[in-house]
Amino acid sequence: MERDQKLELIQRSLGIRHKLRVHETMKAPDTHEEMAAILLARWELEDELRAIDDILNEHRTKNVAARRQTILKKPKNSKSGD
């Protein structure tokens, strides 16, 4: 996944998180119909956020595994200045 794609997904998730916070500060709905509509909208936002988080976490898991392999493949006698 390219850096631009990751940045776009992170920005999108931040926007969704903001929308969810806005939902939390809204006054309680007056009718069951309004409550149902608000719940549905909130669930759609949460589902999209979860999907984005899953994509980013999957990429990070792959990235960590690749870096782990790189670290483990380094010769033991090489010094990295640490």
C-alpha atoms as a PDB file:
ATOM      1  CA  MET A   1       0.000   0.000   0.000  1.00  0.00           C
ATOM      2  CA  GLU A   2       1.370   3.362  -1.012  1.00  0.00           C
ATOM      3  CA  ARG A   3       1.993   6.155   1.469  1.00  0.00           C
ATOM      4  CA  ASP A   4      -0.649   8.362  -0.189  1.00  0.00           C
ATOM      5  CA  GLN A   5      -3.246   5.610   0.178  1.00  0.00           C
ATOM      6  CA  LYS A   6      -2.414   5.190   3.862  1.00  0.00           C
ATOM      7  CA  LEU A   7      -2.628   8.937   4.459  1.00  0.00           C
ATOM      8  CA  GLU A   8      -5.969   9.093   2.674  1.00  0.00           C
ATOM      9  CA  LEU A   9      -7.370   6.246   4.793  1.00  0.00           C
ATOM     10  CA  ILE A  10      -6.087   7.804   8.015  1.00  0.00           C
ATOM     11  CA  GLN A  11      -7.605  11.174   7.117  1.00  0.00           C
ATOM     12  CA  ARG A  12     -10.883   9.475   6.238  1.00  0.00           C
ATOM     13  CA  SER A  13     -10.912   7.632   9.577  1.00  0.00           C
ATOM     14  CA  LEU A  14     -10.260  10.886  11.427  1.00  0.00           C
ATOM     15  CA  GLY A  15     -13.196  12.489   9.619  1.00  0.00           C
ATOM     16  CA  ILE A  16     -15.454   9.579  10.547  1.00  0.00           C
ATOM     17  CA  ARG A  17     -14.328   9.731  14.176  1.00  0.00           C
ATOM     18  CA  HIS A  18     -15.240  13.424  14.182  1.00  0.00           C
ATOM     19  CA  LYS A  19     -18.682  12.665  12.757  1.00  0.00           C
ATOM     20  CA  LEU A  20     -19.210  10.044  15.477  1.00  0.00           C
ATOM     21  CA  ARG A  21     -18.292  12.605  18.154  1.00  0.00           C
ATOM     22  CA  VAL A  22     -20.805  15.002  16.620  1.00  0.00           C
ATOM     23  CA  HIS A  23     -23.461  12.282  16.840  1.00  0.00           C
ATOM     24  CA  GLU A  24     -22.669  11.900  20.556  1.00  0.00           C
ATOM     25  CA  THR A  25     -23.225  15.610  21.214  1.00  0.00           C
ATOM     26  CA  MET A  26     -26.543  15.823  19.378  1.00  0.00           C
ATOM     27  CA  LYS A  27     -29.711  16.084  21.406  1.00  0.00           C
ATOM     28  CA  ALA A  28     -31.740  12.920  21.850  1.00  0.00           C
ATOM     29  CA  PRO A  29     -34.220  12.256  19.056  1.00  0.00           C
ATOM     30  CA  ASP A  30     -37.915  12.889  19.685  1.00  0.00           C
ATOM     31  CA  THR A  31     -39.344   9.870  17.872  1.00  0.00           C
ATOM     32  CA  HIS A  32     -38.480   6.247  17.342  1.00  0.00           C
ATOM     33  CA  GLU A  33     -38.178   6.882  13.625  1.00  0.00           C
ATOM     34  CA  GLU A  34     -35.563   9.590  14.202  1.00  0.00           C
ATOM     35  CA  MET A  35     -33.717   7.356  16.656  1.00  0.00           C
ATOM     36  CA  ALA A  36     -33.691   4.491  14.148  1.00  0.00           C
ATOM     37  CA  ALA A  37     -32.353   6.765  11.403  1.00  0.00           C
ATOM     38  CA  ILE A  38     -29.626   8.107  13.688  1.00  0.00           C
ATOM     39  CA  LEU A  39     -28.654   4.614  14.842  1.00  0.00           C
ATOM     40  CA  LEU A  40     -28.467   3.380  11.274  1.00  0.00           C
ATOM     41  CA  ALA A  41     -26.295   6.326  10.240  1.00  0.00           C
ATOM     42  CA  ARG A  42     -24.032   5.769  13.241  1.00  0.00           C
ATOM     43  CA  TRP A  43     -23.696   2.050  12.501  1.00  0.00           C
ATOM     44  CA  GLU A  44     -22.756   2.812   8.894  1.00  0.00           C
ATOM     45  CA  LEU A  45     -20.044   5.191  10.094  1.00  0.00           C
ATOM     46  CA  GLU A  46     -18.784   2.649  12.631  1.00  0.00           C
ATOM     47  CA  ASP A  47     -18.733  -0.107   9.988  1.00  0.00           C
ATOM     48  CA  GLU A  48     -16.750   2.067   7.594  1.00  0.00           C
ATOM     49  CA  LEU A  49     -14.348   3.023  10.370  1.00  0.00           C
ATOM     50  CA  ARG A  50     -13.867  -0.619  11.318  1.00  0.00           C
ATOM     51  CA  ALA A  51     -13.188  -1.521   7.676  1.00  0.00           C
ATOM     52  CA  ILE A  52     -10.571   1.220   7.391  1.00  0.00           C
ATOM     53  CA  ASP A  53      -8.984   0.176  10.689  1.00  0.00           C
ATOM     54  CA  ASP A  54      -8.876  -3.454   9.502  1.00  0.00           C
ATOM     55  CA  ILE A  55      -7.158  -2.455   6.251  1.00  0.00           C
ATOM     56  CA  LEU A  56      -4.575  -0.348   8.072  1.00  0.00           C
ATOM     57  CA  ASN A  57      -3.987  -2.999  10.739  1.00  0.00           C
ATOM     58  CA  GLU A  58      -3.555  -5.692   8.093  1.00  0.00           C
ATOM     59  CA  HIS A  59      -0.983  -3.558   6.314  1.00  0.00           C
ATOM     60  CA  ARG A  60       0.839  -2.823   9.577  1.00  0.00           C
ATOM     61  CA  THR A  61       0.915  -6.530  10.452  1.00  0.00           C
ATOM     62  CA  LYS A  62       2.509  -7.316   7.087  1.00  0.00           C
ATOM     63  CA  ASN A  63       4.943  -4.429   7.490  1.00  0.00           C
ATOM     64  CA  VAL A  64       5.994  -5.586  10.974  1.00  0.00           C
ATOM     65  CA  ALA A  65       6.504  -9.151   9.714  1.00  0.00           C
ATOM     66  CA  ALA A  66       8.690  -7.913   6.852  1.00  0.00           C
ATOM     67  CA  ARG A  67      10.748  -5.724   9.164  1.00  0.00           C
ATOM     68  CA  ARG A  68      11.093  -8.571  11.632  1.00  0.00           C
ATOM     69  CA  GLN A  69      12.490 -10.791   8.874  1.00  0.00           C
ATOM     70  CA  THR A  70      14.917  -8.048   7.869  1.00  0.00           C
ATOM     71  CA  ILE A  71      16.123  -7.685  11.448  1.00  0.00           C
ATOM     72  CA  LEU A  72      16.501 -11.417  11.940  1.00  0.00           C
ATOM     73  CA  LYS A  73      18.474 -11.791   8.692  1.00  0.00           C
ATOM     74  CA  LYS A  74      21.136  -9.265   9.728  1.00  0.00           C
ATOM     75  CA  PRO A  75      24.507 -10.912  10.411  1.00  0.00           C
ATOM     76  CA  LYS A  76      25.238 -11.210  14.110  1.00  0.00           C
ATOM     77  CA  ASN A  77      28.730  -9.716  13.790  1.00  0.00           C
ATOM     78  CA  SER A  78      27.583  -6.521  12.057  1.00  0.00           C
ATOM     79  CA  LYS A  79      27.461  -3.416  14.214  1.00  0.00           C
ATOM     80  CA  SER A  80      24.795  -0.822  13.593  1.00  0.00           C
ATOM     81  CA  GLY A  81      26.145   1.797  15.965  1.00  0.00           C
ATOM     82  CA  ASP A  82      23.739   0.970  18.808  1.00  0.00           C
END
